[in-house]
PDB file of N, CA and C in Angstrom:
ATOM      1  N   MET A   1     -17.075   9.429 -47.117  1.00  0.00           N
ATOM      2  CA  MET A   1     -17.031   8.084 -46.390  1.00  0.00           C
ATOM      3  C   MET A   1     -15.756   7.665 -45.425  1.00  0.00           C
ATOM      4  N   LYS A   2     -14.110   8.443 -46.221  1.00  0.00           N
ATOM      5  CA  LYS A   2     -13.384   8.495 -45.691  1.00  0.00           C
ATOM      6  C   LYS A   2     -13.002   8.902 -44.954  1.00  0.00           C
ATOM      7  N   ILE A   3     -13.453  10.643 -44.618  1.00  0.00           N
ATOM      8  CA  ILE A   3     -13.609  11.569 -43.263  1.00  0.00           C
ATOM      9  C   ILE A   3     -14.468  10.691 -42.112  1.00  0.00           C
ATOM     10  N   LYS A   4     -15.095   9.847 -42.458  1.00  0.00           N
ATOM     11  CA  LYS A   4     -15.749   9.382 -40.904  1.00  0.00           C
ATOM     12  C   LYS A   4     -14.837   8.049 -40.572  1.00  0.00           C
ATOM     13  N   ARG A   5     -13.772   7.449 -41.448  1.00  0.00           N
ATOM     14  CA  ARG A   5     -12.902   6.769 -41.180  1.00  0.00           C
ATOM     15  C   ARG A   5     -11.935   7.057 -40.796  1.00  0.00           C
ATOM     16  N   ILE A   6     -11.465   8.347 -41.468  1.00  0.00           N
ATOM     17  CA  ILE A   6     -10.149   8.659 -40.566  1.00  0.00           C
ATOM     18  C   ILE A   6     -10.459   9.978 -38.777  1.00  0.00           C
ATOM     19  N   LEU A   7     -11.864   9.811 -38.985  1.00  0.00           N
ATOM     20  CA  LEU A   7     -11.960  11.023 -37.744  1.00  0.00           C
ATOM     21  C   LEU A   7     -12.791   9.429 -36.611  1.00  0.00           C
ATOM     22  N   ALA A   8     -12.756   8.628 -37.519  1.00  0.00           N
ATOM     23  CA  ALA A   8     -12.845   7.373 -35.949  1.00  0.00           C
ATOM     24  C   ALA A   8     -11.735   7.223 -36.045  1.00  0.00           C
ATOM     25  N   ALA A   9     -10.721   6.878 -36.555  1.00  0.00           N
ATOM     26  CA  ALA A   9      -9.052   6.048 -36.413  1.00  0.00           C
ATOM     27  C   ALA A   9      -8.406   7.187 -35.323  1.00  0.00           C
ATOM     28  N   THR A  10      -8.912   8.640 -35.825  1.00  0.00           N
ATOM     29  CA  THR A  10      -8.282   9.380 -34.911  1.00  0.00           C
ATOM     30  C   THR A  10      -8.090   9.440 -33.470  1.00  0.00           C
ATOM     31  N   GLY A  11      -9.745   9.250 -33.540  1.00  0.00           N
ATOM     32  CA  GLY A  11     -10.928   8.591 -32.152  1.00  0.00           C
ATOM     33  C   GLY A  11     -10.297   7.307 -30.981  1.00  0.00           C
ATOM     34  N   ILE A  12     -10.101   6.555 -32.027  1.00  0.00           N
ATOM     35  CA  ILE A  12      -9.468   5.460 -31.435  1.00  0.00           C
ATOM     36  C   ILE A  12      -8.240   5.703 -31.001  1.00  0.00           C
ATOM     37  N   LEU A  13      -7.740   6.344 -31.495  1.00  0.00           N
ATOM     38  CA  LEU A  13      -6.355   6.673 -31.024  1.00  0.00           C
ATOM     39  C   LEU A  13      -5.841   7.543 -30.481  1.00  0.00           C
ATOM     40  N   PHE A  14      -6.486   8.451 -29.661  1.00  0.00           N
ATOM     41  CA  PHE A  14      -6.562   8.908 -29.089  1.00  0.00           C
ATOM     42  C   PHE A  14      -7.094   8.128 -27.744  1.00  0.00           C
ATOM     43  N   PHE A  15      -7.838   7.428 -28.081  1.00  0.00           N
ATOM     44  CA  PHE A  15      -8.453   6.321 -26.676  1.00  0.00           C
ATOM     45  C   PHE A  15      -7.178   5.834 -26.424  1.00  0.00           C
ATOM     46  N   LEU A  16      -6.996   5.118 -26.777  1.00  0.00           N
ATOM     47  CA  LEU A  16      -5.785   3.690 -26.901  1.00  0.00           C
ATOM     48  C   LEU A  16      -4.308   5.108 -26.260  1.00  0.00           C
ATOM     49  N   ILE A  17      -4.088   6.214 -26.663  1.00  0.00           N
ATOM     50  CA  ILE A  17      -3.450   6.885 -25.699  1.00  0.00           C
ATOM     51  C   ILE A  17      -3.662   7.515 -24.866  1.00  0.00           C
ATOM     52  N   GLY A  18      -4.431   7.782 -24.223  1.00  0.00           N
ATOM     53  CA  GLY A  18      -4.850   8.350 -23.173  1.00  0.00           C
ATOM     54  C   GLY A  18      -5.284   7.126 -22.260  1.00  0.00           C
ATOM     55  N   GLY A  19      -5.016   6.180 -22.432  1.00  0.00           N
ATOM     56  CA  GLY A  19      -5.273   4.969 -21.724  1.00  0.00           C
ATOM     57  C   GLY A  19      -4.531   4.523 -21.194  1.00  0.00           C
ATOM     58  N   VAL A  20      -2.724   4.960 -21.893  1.00  0.00           N
ATOM     59  CA  VAL A  20      -1.670   4.346 -21.546  1.00  0.00           C
ATOM     60  C   VAL A  20      -1.275   5.165 -21.180  1.00  0.00           C
ATOM     61  N   GLY A  21      -1.707   6.391 -21.185  1.00  0.00           N
ATOM     62  CA  GLY A  21      -1.358   7.098 -20.380  1.00  0.00           C
ATOM     63  C   GLY A  21      -1.646   7.670 -18.858  1.00  0.00           C
ATOM     64  N   CYS A  22      -2.852   7.480 -18.862  1.00  0.00           N
ATOM     65  CA  CYS A  22      -3.287   7.268 -17.550  1.00  0.00           C
ATOM     66  C   CYS A  22      -3.260   6.189 -16.353  1.00  0.00           C
ATOM     67  N   ASP A  23      -2.319   5.138 -17.170  1.00  0.00           N
ATOM     68  CA  ASP A  23      -1.961   3.903 -16.596  1.00  0.00           C
ATOM     69  C   ASP A  23      -2.283   3.827 -14.580  1.00  0.00           C
ATOM     70  N   LYS A  24      -2.400   3.616 -14.158  1.00  0.00           N
ATOM     71  CA  LYS A  24      -1.597   3.685 -13.034  1.00  0.00           C
ATOM     72  C   LYS A  24      -0.291   2.559 -12.417  1.00  0.00           C
ATOM     73  N   LYS A  25       0.591   3.266 -11.456  1.00  0.00           N
ATOM     74  CA  LYS A  25       1.707   3.040 -11.775  1.00  0.00           C
ATOM     75  C   LYS A  25       1.271   1.318 -10.034  1.00  0.00           C
ATOM     76  N   ASN A  26       1.828   0.573 -10.403  1.00  0.00           N
ATOM     77  CA  ASN A  26       1.736  -0.886  -9.639  1.00  0.00           C
ATOM     78  C   ASN A  26       1.416  -0.682  -8.106  1.00  0.00           C
ATOM     79  N   GLU A  27       2.170   0.119  -7.646  1.00  0.00           N
ATOM     80  CA  GLU A  27       2.424   0.500  -6.243  1.00  0.00           C
ATOM     81  C   GLU A  27       2.702   1.940  -5.519  1.00  0.00           C
ATOM     82  N   SER A  28       1.689   2.539  -5.214  1.00  0.00           N
ATOM     83  CA  SER A  28       1.876   3.749  -4.643  1.00  0.00           C
ATOM     84  C   SER A  28       2.784   4.445  -4.569  1.00  0.00           C
ATOM     85  N   GLU A  29       3.368   5.799  -3.722  1.00  0.00           N
ATOM     86  CA  GLU A  29       4.754   6.920  -4.244  1.00  0.00           C
ATOM     87  C   GLU A  29       4.743   6.383  -2.780  1.00  0.00           C
ATOM     88  N   PHE A  30       6.064   6.995  -2.092  1.00  0.00           N
ATOM     89  CA  PHE A  30       6.629   7.275  -0.557  1.00  0.00           C
ATOM     90  C   PHE A  30       5.906   8.303   0.092  1.00  0.00           C
ATOM     91  N   GLN A  31       5.210   7.936   1.017  1.00  0.00           N
ATOM     92  CA  GLN A  31       4.349   8.569   1.864  1.00  0.00           C
ATOM     93  C   GLN A  31       5.343   9.245   3.395  1.00  0.00           C
ATOM     94  N   ILE A  32       5.041  10.374   3.678  1.00  0.00           N
ATOM     95  CA  ILE A  32       5.914  10.584   5.164  1.00  0.00           C
ATOM     96  C   ILE A  32       4.557  11.020   6.312  1.00  0.00           C
ATOM     97  N   GLN A  33       4.642  10.045   7.040  1.00  0.00           N
ATOM     98  CA  GLN A  33       3.458  10.008   7.770  1.00  0.00           C
ATOM     99  C   GLN A  33       4.029   9.787   9.333  1.00  0.00           C
ATOM    100  N   ASN A  34       3.037  10.685  11.169  1.00  0.00           N
ATOM    101  CA  ASN A  34       3.492   9.810  11.886  1.00  0.00           C
ATOM    102  C   ASN A  34       2.374   8.591  12.249  1.00  0.00           C
ATOM    103  N   GLY A  35       3.178   7.583  13.152  1.00  0.00           N
ATOM    104  CA  GLY A  35       1.977   5.972  13.020  1.00  0.00           C
ATOM    105  C   GLY A  35       2.490   6.055  14.849  1.00  0.00           C
ATOM    106  N   LEU A  36       2.035   4.530  15.176  1.00  0.00           N
ATOM    107  CA  LEU A  36       1.851   4.212  16.426  1.00  0.00           C
ATOM    108  C   LEU A  36       2.490   2.778  15.962  1.00  0.00           C
ATOM    109  N   VAL A  37       3.034   1.842  16.698  1.00  0.00           N
ATOM    110  CA  VAL A  37       3.743   0.426  16.447  1.00  0.00           C
ATOM    111  C   VAL A  37       2.493  -0.050  17.278  1.00  0.00           C
ATOM    112  N   LEU A  38       1.798  -0.799  17.195  1.00  0.00           N
ATOM    113  CA  LEU A  38       1.422  -1.796  18.022  1.00  0.00           C
ATOM    114  C   LEU A  38       1.384  -3.480  17.164  1.00  0.00           C
ATOM    115  N   ASN A  39       1.599  -3.957  18.834  1.00  0.00           N
ATOM    116  CA  ASN A  39       2.110  -5.751  18.741  1.00  0.00           C
ATOM    117  C   ASN A  39       0.028  -5.448  18.783  1.00  0.00           C
ATOM    118  N   TYR A  40       0.377  -7.130  18.087  1.00  0.00           N
ATOM    119  CA  TYR A  40      -0.810  -7.690  17.737  1.00  0.00           C
ATOM    120  C   TYR A  40      -1.005  -9.060  17.836  1.00  0.00           C
ATOM    121  N   GLY A  41       0.080  -9.169  18.693  1.00  0.00           N
ATOM    122  CA  GLY A  41       0.421 -10.866  19.273  1.00  0.00           C
ATOM    123  C   GLY A  41       0.693 -11.242  17.636  1.00  0.00           C
ATOM    124  N   GLU A  42       1.245 -12.774  19.001  1.00  0.00           N
ATOM    125  CA  GLU A  42       2.201 -14.257  17.673  1.00  0.00           C
ATOM    126  C   GLU A  42       1.422 -14.277  16.530  1.00  0.00           C
ATOM    127  N   PRO A  43       1.549 -14.489  15.355  1.00  0.00           N
ATOM    128  CA  PRO A  43       0.805 -15.088  13.823  1.00  0.00           C
ATOM    129  C   PRO A  43       0.221 -16.353  14.679  1.00  0.00           C
ATOM    130  N   ALA A  44       1.774 -16.947  14.724  1.00  0.00           N
ATOM    131  CA  ALA A  44       1.622 -18.700  15.117  1.00  0.00           C
ATOM    132  C   ALA A  44       0.687 -19.075  15.776  1.00  0.00           C
ATOM    133  N   LEU A  45       0.223 -18.026  17.115  1.00  0.00           N
ATOM    134  CA  LEU A  45      -0.973 -18.285  17.459  1.00  0.00           C
ATOM    135  C   LEU A  45      -2.307 -17.414  17.412  1.00  0.00           C
ATOM    136  N   ASP A  46      -2.331 -17.138  15.749  1.00  0.00           N
ATOM    137  CA  ASP A  46      -3.787 -16.237  15.282  1.00  0.00           C
ATOM    138  C   ASP A  46      -3.524 -15.437  15.581  1.00  0.00           C
ATOM    139  N   GLY A  47      -2.276 -14.367  16.116  1.00  0.00           N
ATOM    140  CA  GLY A  47      -2.023 -12.696  16.070  1.00  0.00           C
ATOM    141  C   GLY A  47      -2.314 -12.418  14.524  1.00  0.00           C
ATOM    142  N   CYS A  48      -1.535 -11.365  14.846  1.00  0.00           N
ATOM    143  CA  CYS A  48      -1.295 -10.489  13.711  1.00  0.00           C
ATOM    144  C   CYS A  48       0.048 -10.056  13.845  1.00  0.00           C
ATOM    145  N   GLY A  49       1.132  -9.945  14.459  1.00  0.00           N
ATOM    146  CA  GLY A  49       1.913  -9.854  14.067  1.00  0.00           C
ATOM    147  C   GLY A  49       1.977  -7.903  14.673  1.00  0.00           C
ATOM    148  N   TRP A  50       3.220  -7.227  14.378  1.00  0.00           N
ATOM    149  CA  TRP A  50       3.195  -6.164  14.737  1.00  0.00           C
ATOM    150  C   TRP A  50       2.984  -5.105  12.844  1.00  0.00           C
ATOM    151  N   VAL A  51       2.157  -3.652  13.495  1.00  0.00           N
ATOM    152  CA  VAL A  51       1.354  -3.499  12.749  1.00  0.00           C
ATOM    153  C   VAL A  51       1.960  -2.042  13.076  1.00  0.00           C
ATOM    154  N   ILE A  52       1.635  -0.599  12.172  1.00  0.00           N
ATOM    155  CA  ILE A  52       1.613   0.480  12.053  1.00  0.00           C
ATOM    156  C   ILE A  52       0.610   0.895  11.895  1.00  0.00           C
ATOM    157  N   GLN A  53      -0.161   1.820  12.262  1.00  0.00           N
ATOM    158  CA  GLN A  53      -1.087   2.077  12.322  1.00  0.00           C
ATOM    159  C   GLN A  53      -1.423   4.312  11.844  1.00  0.00           C
ATOM    160  N   ILE A  54      -1.460   4.036  11.011  1.00  0.00           N
ATOM    161  CA  ILE A  54      -1.074   6.002  10.096  1.00  0.00           C
ATOM    162  C   ILE A  54      -2.340   6.352  10.067  1.00  0.00           C
ATOM    163  N   ASN A  55      -2.629   7.090  11.257  1.00  0.00           N
ATOM    164  CA  ASN A  55      -4.574   7.917   9.986  1.00  0.00           C
ATOM    165  C   ASN A  55      -5.226   6.794  10.767  1.00  0.00           C
ATOM    166  N   LYS A  56      -4.990   6.392  12.118  1.00  0.00           N
ATOM    167  CA  LYS A  56      -7.047   5.334  12.736  1.00  0.00           C
ATOM    168  C   LYS A  56      -6.308   4.132  11.576  1.00  0.00           C
ATOM    169  N   VAL A  57      -5.367   3.462  10.635  1.00  0.00           N
ATOM    170  CA  VAL A  57      -5.423   2.527   9.552  1.00  0.00           C
ATOM    171  C   VAL A  57      -4.474   1.340  10.562  1.00  0.00           C
ATOM    172  N   ASP A  58      -4.338   0.870  10.283  1.00  0.00           N
ATOM    173  CA  ASP A  58      -3.995  -0.439  10.715  1.00  0.00           C
ATOM    174  C   ASP A  58      -2.706  -1.263   8.886  1.00  0.00           C
ATOM    175  N   TYR A  59      -1.524  -0.679   9.695  1.00  0.00           N
ATOM    176  CA  TYR A  59      -0.859  -1.352   7.559  1.00  0.00           C
ATOM    177  C   TYR A  59       0.266  -3.017   8.480  1.00  0.00           C
ATOM    178  N   SER A  60       0.138  -3.761   7.533  1.00  0.00           N
ATOM    179  CA  SER A  60       1.117  -4.233   8.438  1.00  0.00           C
ATOM    180  C   SER A  60       3.033  -4.391   6.906  1.00  0.00           C
ATOM    181  N   PRO A  61       3.855  -3.940   7.753  1.00  0.00           N
ATOM    182  CA  PRO A  61       5.014  -3.639   7.618  1.00  0.00           C
ATOM    183  C   PRO A  61       5.389  -5.117   7.020  1.00  0.00           C
ATOM    184  N   VAL A  62       5.948  -4.813   5.600  1.00  0.00           N
ATOM    185  CA  VAL A  62       7.530  -6.011   5.746  1.00  0.00           C
ATOM    186  C   VAL A  62       8.096  -6.304   6.100  1.00  0.00           C
ATOM    187  N   ASN A  63       8.692  -5.296   6.516  1.00  0.00           N
ATOM    188  CA  ASN A  63      10.465  -4.793   7.321  1.00  0.00           C
ATOM    189  C   ASN A  63      10.520  -3.634   8.303  1.00  0.00           C
ATOM    190  N   LEU A  64       9.709  -4.177   9.475  1.00  0.00           N
ATOM    191  CA  LEU A  64       9.540  -3.332  10.725  1.00  0.00           C
ATOM    192  C   LEU A  64      11.096  -3.690  11.167  1.00  0.00           C
ATOM    193  N   ASP A  65      12.126  -3.182  10.856  1.00  0.00           N
ATOM    194  CA  ASP A  65      13.830  -3.417  11.632  1.00  0.00           C
ATOM    195  C   ASP A  65      13.024  -3.654  13.522  1.00  0.00           C
ATOM    196  N   ALA A  66      13.877  -4.458  13.586  1.00  0.00           N
ATOM    197  CA  ALA A  66      13.077  -5.139  15.389  1.00  0.00           C
ATOM    198  C   ALA A  66      13.882  -3.831  16.518  1.00  0.00           C
ATOM    199  N   ASN A  67      14.453  -3.180  16.041  1.00  0.00           N
ATOM    200  CA  ASN A  67      15.199  -2.446  16.927  1.00  0.00           C
ATOM    201  C   ASN A  67      13.476  -0.953  17.135  1.00  0.00           C
ATOM    202  N   PHE A  68      12.196  -1.506  16.529  1.00  0.00           N
ATOM    203  CA  PHE A  68      11.308  -0.183  16.392  1.00  0.00           C
ATOM    204  C   PHE A  68       9.994  -0.985  16.663  1.00  0.00           C
ATOM    205  N   GLN A  69      10.692  -2.454  16.677  1.00  0.00           N
ATOM    206  CA  GLN A  69       9.225  -3.977  17.060  1.00  0.00           C
ATOM    207  C   GLN A  69       8.960  -3.430  19.051  1.00  0.00           C
ATOM    208  N   LYS A  70       8.430  -2.622  19.650  1.00  0.00           N
ATOM    209  CA  LYS A  70       8.068  -2.150  20.556  1.00  0.00           C
ATOM    210  C   LYS A  70       6.290  -1.069  20.552  1.00  0.00           C
ATOM    211  N   ASP A  71       5.935  -2.329  21.653  1.00  0.00           N
ATOM    212  CA  ASP A  71       4.396  -1.887  21.776  1.00  0.00           C
ATOM    213  C   ASP A  71       3.831  -0.256  21.769  1.00  0.00           C
ATOM    214  N   SER A  72       3.407   0.140  21.394  1.00  0.00           N
ATOM    215  CA  SER A  72       2.850   1.878  21.330  1.00  0.00           C
ATOM    216  C   SER A  72       4.033   2.671  21.307  1.00  0.00           C
ATOM    217  N   LEU A  73       5.036   2.169  20.506  1.00  0.00           N
ATOM    218  CA  LEU A  73       6.070   3.249  19.816  1.00  0.00           C
ATOM    219  C   LEU A  73       5.638   4.198  18.753  1.00  0.00           C
ATOM    220  N   LYS A  74       5.684   5.590  19.217  1.00  0.00           N
ATOM    221  CA  LYS A  74       5.412   6.402  18.338  1.00  0.00           C
ATOM    222  C   LYS A  74       6.755   6.646  17.115  1.00  0.00           C
ATOM    223  N   VAL A  75       5.682   6.840  16.309  1.00  0.00           N
ATOM    224  CA  VAL A  75       7.678   7.090  15.101  1.00  0.00           C
ATOM    225  C   VAL A  75       6.877   8.120  14.176  1.00  0.00           C
ATOM    226  N   ALA A  76       7.645   8.560  13.499  1.00  0.00           N
ATOM    227  CA  ALA A  76       7.425   9.076  11.828  1.00  0.00           C
ATOM    228  C   ALA A  76       7.604   8.563  10.823  1.00  0.00           C
ATOM    229  N   VAL A  77       7.447   7.917  10.032  1.00  0.00           N
ATOM    230  CA  VAL A  77       8.264   6.330   9.316  1.00  0.00           C
ATOM    231  C   VAL A  77       7.378   6.569   7.523  1.00  0.00           C
ATOM    232  N   GLU A  78       8.831   6.566   6.877  1.00  0.00           N
ATOM    233  CA  GLU A  78       8.444   6.973   5.509  1.00  0.00           C
ATOM    234  C   GLU A  78       7.530   5.620   4.274  1.00  0.00           C
ATOM    235  N   TYR A  79       7.303   5.383   4.009  1.00  0.00           N
ATOM    236  CA  TYR A  79       6.394   4.255   3.590  1.00  0.00           C
ATOM    237  C   TYR A  79       5.989   4.356   2.277  1.00  0.00           C
ATOM    238  N   GLN A  80       5.598   3.270   1.291  1.00  0.00           N
ATOM    239  CA  GLN A  80       4.791   2.917   0.281  1.00  0.00           C
ATOM    240  C   GLN A  80       4.293   1.209   0.391  1.00  0.00           C
ATOM    241  N   ILE A  81       3.061   2.136   0.074  1.00  0.00           N
ATOM    242  CA  ILE A  81       1.674   1.263   0.170  1.00  0.00           C
ATOM    243  C   ILE A  81       2.324   0.174  -0.925  1.00  0.00           C
ATOM    244  N   LEU A  82       2.193  -1.070  -0.910  1.00  0.00           N
ATOM    245  CA  LEU A  82       1.835  -2.251  -1.723  1.00  0.00           C
ATOM    246  C   LEU A  82       0.996  -2.835  -2.275  1.00  0.00           C
ATOM    247  N   LYS A  83       0.383  -3.801  -3.147  1.00  0.00           N
ATOM    248  CA  LYS A  83      -0.528  -3.436  -3.300  1.00  0.00           C
ATOM    249  C   LYS A  83      -1.274  -5.141  -2.479  1.00  0.00           C
ATOM    250  N   SER A  84       0.166  -5.919  -2.000  1.00  0.00           N
ATOM    251  CA  SER A  84      -0.447  -6.680  -1.306  1.00  0.00           C
ATOM    252  C   SER A  84      -1.081  -6.280   0.355  1.00  0.00           C
ATOM    253  N   THR A  85      -1.388  -7.747   0.961  1.00  0.00           N
ATOM    254  CA  THR A  85      -1.759  -7.745   2.080  1.00  0.00           C
ATOM    255  C   THR A  85      -1.428  -8.839   2.871  1.00  0.00           C
ATOM    256  N   PHE A  86      -1.732  -9.092   4.478  1.00  0.00           N
ATOM    257  CA  PHE A  86      -1.217 -10.137   5.426  1.00  0.00           C
ATOM    258  C   PHE A  86      -2.495 -10.276   5.989  1.00  0.00           C
ATOM    259  N   ASN A  87      -2.879 -11.418   5.743  1.00  0.00           N
ATOM    260  CA  ASN A  87      -3.850 -12.532   6.288  1.00  0.00           C
ATOM    261  C   ASN A  87      -3.444 -12.787   7.337  1.00  0.00           C
ATOM    262  N   CYS A  88      -4.183 -12.899   8.269  1.00  0.00           N
ATOM    263  CA  CYS A  88      -4.104 -13.268   9.579  1.00  0.00           C
ATOM    264  C   CYS A  88      -4.819 -13.850  10.090  1.00  0.00           C
ATOM    265  N   GLY A  89      -5.001 -15.173  11.612  1.00  0.00           N
ATOM    266  CA  GLY A  89      -5.940 -15.791  12.371  1.00  0.00           C
ATOM    267  C   GLY A  89      -7.024 -15.244  12.018  1.00  0.00           C
ATOM    268  N   TRP A  90      -7.896 -14.561  12.836  1.00  0.00           N
ATOM    269  CA  TRP A  90      -9.233 -14.823  12.924  1.00  0.00           C
ATOM    270  C   TRP A  90     -10.091 -14.157  11.803  1.00  0.00           C
ATOM    271  N   ARG A  91      -9.374 -12.925  11.638  1.00  0.00           N
ATOM    272  CA  ARG A  91      -9.890 -11.822  10.598  1.00  0.00           C
ATOM    273  C   ARG A  91     -10.108 -12.309   8.919  1.00  0.00           C
ATOM    274  N   ASP A  92     -11.440 -11.423   8.722  1.00  0.00           N
ATOM    275  CA  ASP A  92     -12.159 -12.258   7.606  1.00  0.00           C
ATOM    276  C   ASP A  92     -11.441 -11.205   6.097  1.00  0.00           C
ATOM    277  N   HIS A  93     -10.222 -10.618   6.531  1.00  0.00           N
ATOM    278  CA  HIS A  93      -9.600  -9.707   5.422  1.00  0.00           C
ATOM    279  C   HIS A  93      -8.329  -9.513   6.126  1.00  0.00           C
ATOM    280  N   GLY A  94      -7.290  -9.356   5.228  1.00  0.00           N
ATOM    281  CA  GLY A  94      -6.142  -8.914   5.574  1.00  0.00           C
ATOM    282  C   GLY A  94      -5.317  -7.138   5.688  1.00  0.00           C
ATOM    283  N   TYR A  95      -4.617  -7.050   6.560  1.00  0.00           N
ATOM    284  CA  TYR A  95      -3.303  -5.903   6.562  1.00  0.00           C
ATOM    285  C   TYR A  95      -3.284  -5.811   5.085  1.00  0.00           C
ATOM    286  N   GLN A  96      -3.421  -4.227   4.430  1.00  0.00           N
ATOM    287  CA  GLN A  96      -2.746  -3.422   3.709  1.00  0.00           C
ATOM    288  C   GLN A  96      -1.637  -3.375   4.348  1.00  0.00           C
ATOM    289  N   GLN A  97      -0.910  -4.160   3.697  1.00  0.00           N
ATOM    290  CA  GLN A  97       0.938  -4.292   3.476  1.00  0.00           C
ATOM    291  C   GLN A  97       2.498  -3.233   2.334  1.00  0.00           C
ATOM    292  N   ILE A  98       2.658  -2.233   3.863  1.00  0.00           N
ATOM    293  CA  ILE A  98       3.414  -1.028   3.597  1.00  0.00           C
ATOM    294  C   ILE A  98       4.885  -1.714   3.770  1.00  0.00           C
ATOM    295  N   LYS A  99       6.070  -0.954   2.986  1.00  0.00           N
ATOM    296  CA  LYS A  99       7.278  -1.290   2.514  1.00  0.00           C
ATOM    297  C   LYS A  99       7.439   0.081   3.191  1.00  0.00           C
ATOM    298  N   ILE A 100       9.036  -0.433   4.516  1.00  0.00           N
ATOM    299  CA  ILE A 100       9.620   0.979   5.209  1.00  0.00           C
ATOM    300  C   ILE A 100      10.627   1.522   4.485  1.00  0.00           C
ATOM    301  N   VAL A 101       9.987   2.560   3.905  1.00  0.00           N
ATOM    302  CA  VAL A 101      11.442   3.874   3.488  1.00  0.00           C
ATOM    303  C   VAL A 101      12.959   3.960   4.753  1.00  0.00           C
ATOM    304  N   SER A 102      11.826   4.495   5.797  1.00  0.00           N
ATOM    305  CA  SER A 102      12.341   5.244   6.445  1.00  0.00           C
ATOM    306  C   SER A 102      11.806   5.388   7.971  1.00  0.00           C
ATOM    307  N   ILE A 103      12.118   5.153   8.996  1.00  0.00           N
ATOM    308  CA  ILE A 103      11.704   5.436  10.068  1.00  0.00           C
ATOM    309  C   ILE A 103      12.716   6.488  11.621  1.00  0.00           C
ATOM    310  N   LYS A 104      11.519   6.582  11.975  1.00  0.00           N
ATOM    311  CA  LYS A 104      12.914   7.256  13.568  1.00  0.00           C
ATOM    312  C   LYS A 104      11.934   7.718  14.489  1.00  0.00           C
TER     313      LYS A 104
END
């Protein structure tokens, strides 16, 4: 009986430790990709503002420098995907937001 309790406690302990060790981070690691800056229209007029298209996926940058706000501009961008989304105009769902670390 005592051995069963010890084994059960050990199993629970391993389960709890494993769960803590595998905890996901709040936001992803930095990534570097080629992308395309696109202007999806003024948000005040139901547009979606500036987006960066990376691997055919559109992202809403939270900090796109004005020097890079040029439609169809090809860039190399180091970024971090955030948990937040930017909802705009007529879309059913928002664009995943990214934080730009560096852009060329």
